[in-house]
Amino acid sequence: MDGALKRGSGMTIYRNAKGFTLIEIVAVLIVLGILSAVVISRGISTSDVNLKAQAEVLKSHIRYAQFRAMNMKSDTALCNASFGIGISGNSYFLFRDCNTGNKMALPGASSDTVSLPNVTLSPSPTVITFDDWGRPYPNANGTGTSSSISLSLSGEPINITKNTGYVQ
């Protein structure tokens, strides 16, 4: 009995026992868990998250145009909307006084046109204006009947409720 001790009760105790302790097994499982979390997170695409973030930025810019329209009357007599958003392809811009050529910079934008890479805005081209009550209109001069407006940012829906201008 190499390396074994006998005790009077018939129990054998091994001095050179080989094996893993519970602490070693738990440590290995924790390391494997961390490694698998890193591998999985690197494999998941962030395109869905980026699309939702771009949709939220567009929604906030639409709300900004509505806020500006509610706080300022139009400078021209033929225009009921002082601010609006023009959409074309994968870009959009803020304009003033029913003139889509009168572009203004949006908050956080480096130019007067915001481009969204790798996405498509539809329907395109589209113009959304707001009157001084914040009601949305699907035309450049803010006239006619306020209507609900539905946009899509590469499948991500953006809805603007008629009469209230609530951006969902």
N, C-alpha and C. Protein backbone atom coordinates (compact mmCIF):
# COMPACT_ATOMS: atom_id res chain seq x y z
N MET A 1 0.84 -1.17 0.00
CA MET A 1 0.00 0.00 0.00
C MET A 1 0.88 1.22 0.00
N ASP A 2 1.25 1.59 -1.16
CA ASP A 2 2.15 2.72 -1.33
C ASP A 2 1.40 4.02 -1.11
N GLY A 3 1.80 4.87 -0.17
CA GLY A 3 1.22 6.16 0.09
C GLY A 3 -0.08 6.11 0.86
N ALA A 4 -0.44 4.97 1.43
CA ALA A 4 -1.70 4.87 2.15
C ALA A 4 -1.43 4.64 3.63
N LEU A 5 -2.26 5.16 4.46
CA LEU A 5 -2.18 4.95 5.90
C LEU A 5 -3.43 4.19 6.33
N LYS A 6 -3.24 3.29 7.24
CA LYS A 6 -4.37 2.53 7.77
C LYS A 6 -4.67 3.05 9.17
N ARG A 7 -5.90 3.23 9.44
CA ARG A 7 -6.32 3.61 10.78
C ARG A 7 -7.08 2.44 11.38
N GLY A 8 -7.26 2.50 12.61
CA GLY A 8 -7.88 1.38 13.31
C GLY A 8 -9.32 1.14 12.92
N SER A 9 -10.02 2.13 12.40
CA SER A 9 -11.44 1.96 12.07
C SER A 9 -11.67 1.33 10.72
N GLY A 10 -10.62 1.00 10.02
CA GLY A 10 -10.76 0.38 8.72
C GLY A 10 -10.81 1.38 7.59
N MET A 11 -10.59 2.68 7.86
CA MET A 11 -10.63 3.72 6.85
C MET A 11 -9.22 3.95 6.32
N THR A 12 -9.10 4.06 5.01
CA THR A 12 -7.81 4.29 4.40
C THR A 12 -7.71 5.76 3.98
N ILE A 13 -6.60 6.42 4.32
CA ILE A 13 -6.37 7.81 3.95
C ILE A 13 -5.20 7.84 2.97
N TYR A 14 -5.39 8.46 1.83
CA TYR A 14 -4.34 8.54 0.81
C TYR A 14 -3.63 9.88 0.91
N ARG A 15 -2.29 9.84 0.96
CA ARG A 15 -1.49 11.06 1.05
C ARG A 15 -1.31 11.72 -0.31
N ASN A 16 -1.12 11.00 -1.34
CA ASN A 16 -0.82 11.54 -2.67
C ASN A 16 -2.05 11.45 -3.57
N ALA A 17 -3.21 11.79 -3.06
CA ALA A 17 -4.44 11.72 -3.84
C ALA A 17 -4.40 12.75 -4.96
N LYS A 18 -4.75 12.35 -6.17
CA LYS A 18 -4.75 13.24 -7.33
C LYS A 18 -6.21 13.58 -7.66
N GLY A 19 -6.45 14.89 -8.10
CA GLY A 19 -7.80 15.31 -8.45
C GLY A 19 -7.93 16.83 -8.33
N PHE A 20 -9.13 17.32 -8.60
CA PHE A 20 -9.38 18.76 -8.54
C PHE A 20 -10.24 19.07 -7.32
N THR A 21 -9.95 20.21 -6.75
CA THR A 21 -10.78 20.66 -5.65
C THR A 21 -12.00 21.38 -6.20
N LEU A 22 -12.97 21.60 -5.36
CA LEU A 22 -14.18 22.30 -5.77
C LEU A 22 -13.86 23.74 -6.19
N ILE A 23 -12.95 24.38 -5.53
CA ILE A 23 -12.56 25.76 -5.86
C ILE A 23 -11.94 25.82 -7.26
N GLU A 24 -11.12 24.86 -7.61
CA GLU A 24 -10.51 24.84 -8.93
C GLU A 24 -11.56 24.65 -10.03
N ILE A 25 -12.52 23.80 -9.79
CA ILE A 25 -13.58 23.55 -10.77
C ILE A 25 -14.43 24.81 -10.97
N VAL A 26 -14.79 25.47 -9.87
CA VAL A 26 -15.59 26.70 -9.95
C VAL A 26 -14.81 27.79 -10.69
N ALA A 27 -13.52 27.93 -10.43
CA ALA A 27 -12.70 28.93 -11.11
C ALA A 27 -12.67 28.68 -12.62
N VAL A 28 -12.52 27.45 -13.03
CA VAL A 28 -12.51 27.11 -14.45
C VAL A 28 -13.86 27.42 -15.09
N LEU A 29 -14.96 27.13 -14.41
CA LEU A 29 -16.29 27.42 -14.95
C LEU A 29 -16.51 28.93 -15.09
N ILE A 30 -16.01 29.71 -14.15
CA ILE A 30 -16.15 31.17 -14.25
C ILE A 30 -15.36 31.69 -15.44
N VAL A 31 -14.14 31.22 -15.64
CA VAL A 31 -13.33 31.65 -16.78
C VAL A 31 -14.00 31.26 -18.10
N LEU A 32 -14.54 30.06 -18.18
CA LEU A 32 -15.25 29.63 -19.40
C LEU A 32 -16.49 30.49 -19.64
N GLY A 33 -17.21 30.85 -18.59
CA GLY A 33 -18.39 31.70 -18.74
C GLY A 33 -18.03 33.08 -19.27
N ILE A 34 -16.96 33.66 -18.77
CA ILE A 34 -16.53 34.97 -19.24
C ILE A 34 -16.09 34.90 -20.69
N LEU A 35 -15.32 33.88 -21.04
CA LEU A 35 -14.87 33.73 -22.43
C LEU A 35 -16.05 33.53 -23.38
N SER A 36 -17.02 32.74 -23.00
CA SER A 36 -18.18 32.52 -23.89
C SER A 36 -19.01 33.79 -24.03
N ALA A 37 -19.13 34.59 -22.97
CA ALA A 37 -19.86 35.86 -23.07
C ALA A 37 -19.18 36.82 -24.03
N VAL A 38 -17.86 36.86 -24.00
CA VAL A 38 -17.12 37.73 -24.91
C VAL A 38 -17.29 37.26 -26.35
N VAL A 39 -17.19 35.98 -26.58
CA VAL A 39 -17.32 35.44 -27.94
C VAL A 39 -18.72 35.69 -28.48
N ILE A 40 -19.74 35.48 -27.67
CA ILE A 40 -21.12 35.69 -28.12
C ILE A 40 -21.38 37.16 -28.40
N SER A 41 -20.90 38.05 -27.54
CA SER A 41 -21.15 39.48 -27.76
C SER A 41 -20.45 39.99 -29.01
N ARG A 42 -19.33 39.43 -29.36
CA ARG A 42 -18.64 39.83 -30.59
C ARG A 42 -19.33 39.30 -31.83
N GLY A 43 -20.07 38.23 -31.68
CA GLY A 43 -20.73 37.63 -32.82
C GLY A 43 -22.08 38.23 -33.14
N ILE A 44 -22.69 38.94 -32.19
CA ILE A 44 -24.01 39.53 -32.40
C ILE A 44 -23.87 40.81 -33.20
N SER A 45 -24.72 40.98 -34.19
CA SER A 45 -24.69 42.17 -35.04
C SER A 45 -25.29 43.36 -34.30
N THR A 46 -24.70 44.53 -34.51
CA THR A 46 -25.21 45.75 -33.88
C THR A 46 -26.06 46.56 -34.85
N SER A 47 -26.36 46.03 -36.01
CA SER A 47 -27.11 46.79 -37.00
C SER A 47 -28.54 47.11 -36.52
N ASP A 48 -29.17 46.19 -35.79
CA ASP A 48 -30.51 46.47 -35.27
C ASP A 48 -30.48 47.60 -34.25
N VAL A 49 -29.47 47.60 -33.40
CA VAL A 49 -29.34 48.64 -32.39
C VAL A 49 -29.07 49.98 -33.07
N ASN A 50 -28.21 49.99 -34.08
CA ASN A 50 -27.91 51.23 -34.81
C ASN A 50 -29.15 51.77 -35.52
N LEU A 51 -29.95 50.89 -36.09
CA LEU A 51 -31.17 51.31 -36.78
C LEU A 51 -32.15 51.96 -35.80
N LYS A 52 -32.32 51.35 -34.64
CA LYS A 52 -33.22 51.93 -33.64
C LYS A 52 -32.69 53.28 -33.14
N ALA A 53 -31.38 53.40 -32.99
CA ALA A 53 -30.79 54.67 -32.55
C ALA A 53 -31.01 55.75 -33.61
N GLN A 54 -30.84 55.42 -34.89
CA GLN A 54 -31.06 56.39 -35.95
C GLN A 54 -32.53 56.79 -36.03
N ALA A 55 -33.43 55.84 -35.79
CA ALA A 55 -34.87 56.15 -35.78
C ALA A 55 -35.20 57.10 -34.63
N GLU A 56 -34.60 56.90 -33.48
CA GLU A 56 -34.84 57.79 -32.34
C GLU A 56 -34.32 59.20 -32.61
N VAL A 57 -33.18 59.31 -33.29
CA VAL A 57 -32.65 60.63 -33.64
C VAL A 57 -33.60 61.33 -34.61
N LEU A 58 -34.09 60.60 -35.62
CA LEU A 58 -35.04 61.18 -36.56
C LEU A 58 -36.32 61.63 -35.84
N LYS A 59 -36.82 60.82 -34.93
CA LYS A 59 -38.01 61.20 -34.16
C LYS A 59 -37.77 62.47 -33.36
N SER A 60 -36.60 62.57 -32.74
CA SER A 60 -36.32 63.79 -31.96
C SER A 60 -36.19 65.01 -32.86
N HIS A 61 -35.67 64.83 -34.08
CA HIS A 61 -35.59 65.96 -35.02
C HIS A 61 -36.98 66.36 -35.50
N ILE A 62 -37.87 65.41 -35.69
CA ILE A 62 -39.26 65.73 -36.07
C ILE A 62 -39.92 66.50 -34.93
N ARG A 63 -39.71 66.05 -33.70
CA ARG A 63 -40.27 66.78 -32.54
C ARG A 63 -39.70 68.19 -32.44
N TYR A 64 -38.41 68.33 -32.78
CA TYR A 64 -37.77 69.65 -32.75
C TYR A 64 -38.44 70.58 -33.77
N ALA A 65 -38.69 70.08 -34.98
CA ALA A 65 -39.36 70.90 -36.00
C ALA A 65 -40.75 71.30 -35.52
N GLN A 66 -41.45 70.37 -34.89
CA GLN A 66 -42.78 70.68 -34.36
C GLN A 66 -42.70 71.74 -33.27
N PHE A 67 -41.74 71.61 -32.38
CA PHE A 67 -41.56 72.58 -31.30
C PHE A 67 -41.27 73.97 -31.85
N ARG A 68 -40.38 74.03 -32.83
CA ARG A 68 -40.05 75.33 -33.44
C ARG A 68 -41.27 75.93 -34.13
N ALA A 69 -42.07 75.10 -34.81
CA ALA A 69 -43.27 75.59 -35.50
C ALA A 69 -44.29 76.13 -34.50
N MET A 70 -44.38 75.50 -33.36
CA MET A 70 -45.35 75.94 -32.36
C MET A 70 -44.92 77.25 -31.68
N ASN A 71 -43.66 77.58 -31.76
CA ASN A 71 -43.15 78.77 -31.09
C ASN A 71 -42.84 79.93 -32.04
N MET A 72 -43.18 79.78 -33.32
CA MET A 72 -42.86 80.84 -34.26
C MET A 72 -43.87 80.85 -35.40
N LYS A 73 -44.40 81.99 -35.71
CA LYS A 73 -45.30 82.15 -36.85
C LYS A 73 -44.47 82.21 -38.13
N SER A 74 -45.08 81.81 -39.22
CA SER A 74 -44.42 81.89 -40.52
C SER A 74 -44.26 83.34 -40.94
N ASP A 75 -43.18 83.61 -41.65
CA ASP A 75 -42.90 84.96 -42.11
C ASP A 75 -43.65 85.32 -43.39
N THR A 76 -44.23 84.35 -44.05
CA THR A 76 -44.92 84.62 -45.32
C THR A 76 -46.42 84.44 -45.15
N ALA A 77 -47.19 85.19 -45.91
CA ALA A 77 -48.65 85.16 -45.79
C ALA A 77 -49.26 83.88 -46.38
N LEU A 78 -48.61 83.27 -47.36
CA LEU A 78 -49.17 82.10 -48.02
C LEU A 78 -48.78 80.79 -47.33
N CYS A 79 -48.10 80.89 -46.24
CA CYS A 79 -47.58 79.70 -45.57
C CYS A 79 -48.14 79.60 -44.16
N ASN A 80 -48.76 78.47 -43.84
CA ASN A 80 -49.29 78.26 -42.49
C ASN A 80 -48.32 77.50 -41.59
N ALA A 81 -47.21 77.07 -42.15
CA ALA A 81 -46.25 76.28 -41.39
C ALA A 81 -44.90 76.98 -41.37
N SER A 82 -44.38 77.23 -40.18
CA SER A 82 -43.11 77.92 -40.12
C SER A 82 -41.92 76.97 -40.23
N PHE A 83 -42.09 75.70 -39.85
CA PHE A 83 -40.99 74.73 -39.93
C PHE A 83 -41.50 73.40 -40.44
N GLY A 84 -40.60 72.65 -41.07
CA GLY A 84 -40.93 71.33 -41.58
C GLY A 84 -39.68 70.49 -41.77
N ILE A 85 -39.90 69.23 -42.07
CA ILE A 85 -38.82 68.28 -42.34
C ILE A 85 -39.00 67.77 -43.76
N GLY A 86 -37.93 67.84 -44.54
CA GLY A 86 -37.94 67.28 -45.89
C GLY A 86 -37.14 65.99 -45.90
N ILE A 87 -37.67 64.96 -46.53
CA ILE A 87 -37.03 63.64 -46.57
C ILE A 87 -36.80 63.23 -48.01
N SER A 88 -35.58 62.78 -48.28
CA SER A 88 -35.26 62.33 -49.63
C SER A 88 -34.22 61.21 -49.54
N GLY A 89 -34.61 60.02 -49.99
CA GLY A 89 -33.67 58.89 -49.98
C GLY A 89 -33.27 58.50 -48.58
N ASN A 90 -31.98 58.65 -48.27
CA ASN A 90 -31.51 58.31 -46.93
C ASN A 90 -31.05 59.56 -46.17
N SER A 91 -31.63 60.71 -46.49
CA SER A 91 -31.28 61.94 -45.79
C SER A 91 -32.53 62.78 -45.52
N TYR A 92 -32.39 63.71 -44.59
CA TYR A 92 -33.49 64.61 -44.27
C TYR A 92 -32.93 65.95 -43.82
N PHE A 93 -33.79 66.97 -43.82
CA PHE A 93 -33.34 68.31 -43.47
C PHE A 93 -34.50 69.10 -42.87
N LEU A 94 -34.16 70.14 -42.12
CA LEU A 94 -35.13 71.06 -41.54
C LEU A 94 -35.23 72.25 -42.47
N PHE A 95 -36.45 72.71 -42.75
CA PHE A 95 -36.60 73.90 -43.58
C PHE A 95 -37.58 74.86 -42.91
N ARG A 96 -37.58 76.08 -43.40
CA ARG A 96 -38.38 77.13 -42.77
C ARG A 96 -39.26 77.84 -43.79
N ASP A 97 -40.42 78.31 -43.35
CA ASP A 97 -41.33 79.13 -44.13
C ASP A 97 -41.77 78.49 -45.44
N CYS A 98 -42.11 77.22 -45.40
CA CYS A 98 -42.66 76.49 -46.55
C CYS A 98 -41.72 76.43 -47.74
N ASN A 99 -40.49 76.78 -47.55
CA ASN A 99 -39.51 76.78 -48.64
C ASN A 99 -38.48 75.71 -48.35
N THR A 100 -38.56 74.59 -49.08
CA THR A 100 -37.63 73.49 -48.85
C THR A 100 -36.19 73.86 -49.20
N GLY A 101 -36.00 74.96 -49.88
CA GLY A 101 -34.65 75.43 -50.17
C GLY A 101 -34.06 76.25 -49.03
N ASN A 102 -34.90 76.64 -48.08
CA ASN A 102 -34.47 77.42 -46.93
C ASN A 102 -34.10 76.47 -45.79
N LYS A 103 -32.99 75.75 -45.96
CA LYS A 103 -32.59 74.71 -45.00
C LYS A 103 -31.91 75.33 -43.79
N MET A 104 -32.12 74.65 -42.66
CA MET A 104 -31.50 75.06 -41.40
C MET A 104 -30.86 73.83 -40.76
N ALA A 105 -29.82 74.05 -39.96
CA ALA A 105 -29.15 72.93 -39.28
C ALA A 105 -30.00 72.43 -38.12
N LEU A 106 -30.04 71.14 -37.96
CA LEU A 106 -30.74 70.51 -36.84
C LEU A 106 -29.77 70.37 -35.66
N PRO A 107 -30.29 70.27 -34.45
CA PRO A 107 -29.41 70.10 -33.29
C PRO A 107 -28.55 68.85 -33.42
N GLY A 108 -27.28 68.98 -33.16
CA GLY A 108 -26.36 67.85 -33.22
C GLY A 108 -25.88 67.51 -34.62
N ALA A 109 -26.35 68.21 -35.63
CA ALA A 109 -25.95 67.94 -37.01
C ALA A 109 -24.82 68.87 -37.41
N SER A 110 -23.90 68.38 -38.20
CA SER A 110 -22.77 69.19 -38.63
C SER A 110 -23.07 69.99 -39.90
N SER A 111 -24.16 69.64 -40.59
CA SER A 111 -24.54 70.39 -41.78
C SER A 111 -26.07 70.53 -41.79
N ASP A 112 -26.60 71.17 -42.84
CA ASP A 112 -28.05 71.36 -42.90
C ASP A 112 -28.81 70.12 -43.36
N THR A 113 -28.10 69.08 -43.80
CA THR A 113 -28.72 67.82 -44.21
C THR A 113 -28.14 66.68 -43.39
N VAL A 114 -29.01 65.86 -42.84
CA VAL A 114 -28.57 64.70 -42.05
C VAL A 114 -28.67 63.47 -42.94
N SER A 115 -27.55 62.79 -43.12
CA SER A 115 -27.53 61.56 -43.92
C SER A 115 -27.49 60.35 -43.00
N LEU A 116 -28.26 59.35 -43.35
CA LEU A 116 -28.31 58.11 -42.58
C LEU A 116 -27.70 57.00 -43.44
N PRO A 117 -26.46 56.60 -43.13
CA PRO A 117 -25.82 55.57 -43.95
C PRO A 117 -26.49 54.20 -43.79
N ASN A 118 -26.57 53.48 -44.87
CA ASN A 118 -27.07 52.10 -44.90
C ASN A 118 -28.54 51.95 -44.51
N VAL A 119 -29.33 53.01 -44.62
CA VAL A 119 -30.77 52.91 -44.35
C VAL A 119 -31.54 53.62 -45.46
N THR A 120 -32.81 53.34 -45.52
CA THR A 120 -33.68 53.99 -46.50
C THR A 120 -34.89 54.55 -45.78
N LEU A 121 -35.19 55.80 -46.06
CA LEU A 121 -36.40 56.43 -45.54
C LEU A 121 -37.49 56.31 -46.60
N SER A 122 -38.67 55.92 -46.17
CA SER A 122 -39.77 55.84 -47.14
C SER A 122 -41.06 56.33 -46.47
N PRO A 123 -41.99 56.87 -47.17
CA PRO A 123 -41.90 57.18 -48.60
C PRO A 123 -40.95 58.34 -48.85
N SER A 124 -40.37 58.34 -50.02
CA SER A 124 -39.41 59.37 -50.36
C SER A 124 -39.68 59.84 -51.77
N PRO A 125 -39.68 61.09 -52.09
CA PRO A 125 -39.49 62.22 -51.18
C PRO A 125 -40.76 62.53 -50.41
N THR A 126 -40.59 63.05 -49.23
CA THR A 126 -41.69 63.40 -48.36
C THR A 126 -41.41 64.74 -47.69
N VAL A 127 -42.46 65.49 -47.47
CA VAL A 127 -42.36 66.75 -46.74
C VAL A 127 -43.37 66.69 -45.59
N ILE A 128 -42.92 67.04 -44.41
CA ILE A 128 -43.80 67.11 -43.25
C ILE A 128 -43.67 68.51 -42.67
N THR A 129 -44.78 69.21 -42.56
CA THR A 129 -44.75 70.54 -41.94
C THR A 129 -45.68 70.54 -40.73
N PHE A 130 -45.48 71.52 -39.87
CA PHE A 130 -46.29 71.67 -38.67
C PHE A 130 -46.80 73.09 -38.60
N ASP A 131 -48.07 73.25 -38.22
CA ASP A 131 -48.60 74.60 -38.04
C ASP A 131 -48.29 75.08 -36.62
N ASP A 132 -48.80 76.26 -36.26
CA ASP A 132 -48.46 76.82 -34.95
C ASP A 132 -49.16 76.10 -33.80
N TRP A 133 -50.02 75.13 -34.10
CA TRP A 133 -50.62 74.28 -33.07
C TRP A 133 -49.90 72.94 -32.97
N GLY A 134 -48.90 72.71 -33.82
CA GLY A 134 -48.16 71.46 -33.81
C GLY A 134 -48.78 70.35 -34.62
N ARG A 135 -49.81 70.68 -35.41
CA ARG A 135 -50.48 69.67 -36.23
C ARG A 135 -49.63 69.36 -37.47
N PRO A 136 -49.50 68.08 -37.83
CA PRO A 136 -48.70 67.72 -39.00
C PRO A 136 -49.48 67.80 -40.30
N TYR A 137 -48.79 68.20 -41.36
CA TYR A 137 -49.36 68.26 -42.71
C TYR A 137 -48.39 67.60 -43.68
N PRO A 138 -48.91 66.81 -44.62
CA PRO A 138 -48.04 66.14 -45.58
C PRO A 138 -47.75 67.00 -46.82
N ASN A 139 -47.63 68.31 -46.64
CA ASN A 139 -47.32 69.19 -47.77
C ASN A 139 -46.41 70.32 -47.28
N ALA A 140 -45.84 71.04 -48.20
CA ALA A 140 -44.84 72.06 -47.85
C ALA A 140 -45.44 73.34 -47.29
N ASN A 141 -46.72 73.60 -47.51
CA ASN A 141 -47.26 74.88 -47.07
C ASN A 141 -48.15 74.79 -45.82
N GLY A 142 -48.29 73.60 -45.24
CA GLY A 142 -49.04 73.46 -44.00
C GLY A 142 -50.50 73.78 -44.14
N THR A 143 -51.09 73.45 -45.27
CA THR A 143 -52.51 73.73 -45.50
C THR A 143 -53.26 72.43 -45.70
N GLY A 144 -54.57 72.54 -45.73
CA GLY A 144 -55.41 71.36 -45.91
C GLY A 144 -55.80 70.79 -44.57
N THR A 145 -55.98 69.50 -44.53
CA THR A 145 -56.40 68.81 -43.32
C THR A 145 -55.20 68.14 -42.68
N SER A 146 -55.07 68.31 -41.39
CA SER A 146 -54.02 67.61 -40.66
C SER A 146 -54.24 66.11 -40.83
N SER A 147 -53.17 65.37 -41.05
CA SER A 147 -53.33 63.94 -41.25
C SER A 147 -52.22 63.18 -40.55
N SER A 148 -52.51 61.93 -40.25
CA SER A 148 -51.48 61.06 -39.68
C SER A 148 -50.46 60.76 -40.77
N ILE A 149 -49.21 60.71 -40.38
CA ILE A 149 -48.14 60.48 -41.35
C ILE A 149 -47.34 59.28 -40.87
N SER A 150 -47.10 58.34 -41.78
CA SER A 150 -46.33 57.14 -41.46
C SER A 150 -45.06 57.12 -42.28
N LEU A 151 -43.95 56.95 -41.61
CA LEU A 151 -42.66 56.83 -42.26
C LEU A 151 -42.06 55.47 -41.90
N SER A 152 -41.08 55.07 -42.66
CA SER A 152 -40.37 53.84 -42.36
C SER A 152 -38.88 54.08 -42.55
N LEU A 153 -38.11 53.73 -41.55
CA LEU A 153 -36.66 53.85 -41.61
C LEU A 153 -36.12 52.43 -41.72
N SER A 154 -35.97 51.93 -42.95
CA SER A 154 -35.55 50.55 -43.22
C SER A 154 -36.36 49.54 -42.40
N GLY A 155 -37.67 49.73 -42.37
CA GLY A 155 -38.55 48.81 -41.66
C GLY A 155 -38.93 49.26 -40.26
N GLU A 156 -38.21 50.20 -39.69
CA GLU A 156 -38.53 50.72 -38.35
C GLU A 156 -39.61 51.79 -38.51
N PRO A 157 -40.83 51.56 -38.00
CA PRO A 157 -41.93 52.51 -38.24
C PRO A 157 -41.81 53.77 -37.40
N ILE A 158 -42.19 54.89 -38.01
CA ILE A 158 -42.28 56.18 -37.33
C ILE A 158 -43.65 56.75 -37.70
N ASN A 159 -44.51 56.93 -36.72
CA ASN A 159 -45.86 57.42 -36.94
C ASN A 159 -46.05 58.76 -36.26
N ILE A 160 -46.68 59.69 -37.00
CA ILE A 160 -47.00 61.01 -36.46
C ILE A 160 -48.52 61.12 -36.49
N THR A 161 -49.11 61.32 -35.31
CA THR A 161 -50.56 61.33 -35.15
C THR A 161 -51.15 62.65 -35.61
N LYS A 162 -52.25 62.57 -36.38
CA LYS A 162 -52.91 63.79 -36.85
C LYS A 162 -53.47 64.60 -35.67
N ASN A 163 -53.62 65.87 -35.88
CA ASN A 163 -54.16 66.84 -34.93
C ASN A 163 -53.29 67.09 -33.70
N THR A 164 -52.56 66.09 -33.23
CA THR A 164 -51.71 66.32 -32.06
C THR A 164 -50.23 66.39 -32.43
N GLY A 165 -49.85 65.73 -33.49
CA GLY A 165 -48.44 65.70 -33.89
C GLY A 165 -47.59 64.80 -33.03
N TYR A 166 -48.24 63.94 -32.24
CA TYR A 166 -47.51 63.02 -31.38
C TYR A 166 -46.66 62.07 -32.23
N VAL A 167 -45.37 62.01 -31.96
CA VAL A 167 -44.46 61.13 -32.69
C VAL A 167 -44.27 59.88 -31.86
N GLN A 168 -44.78 58.75 -32.38
CA GLN A 168 -44.72 57.50 -31.62
C GLN A 168 -43.39 56.82 -31.77
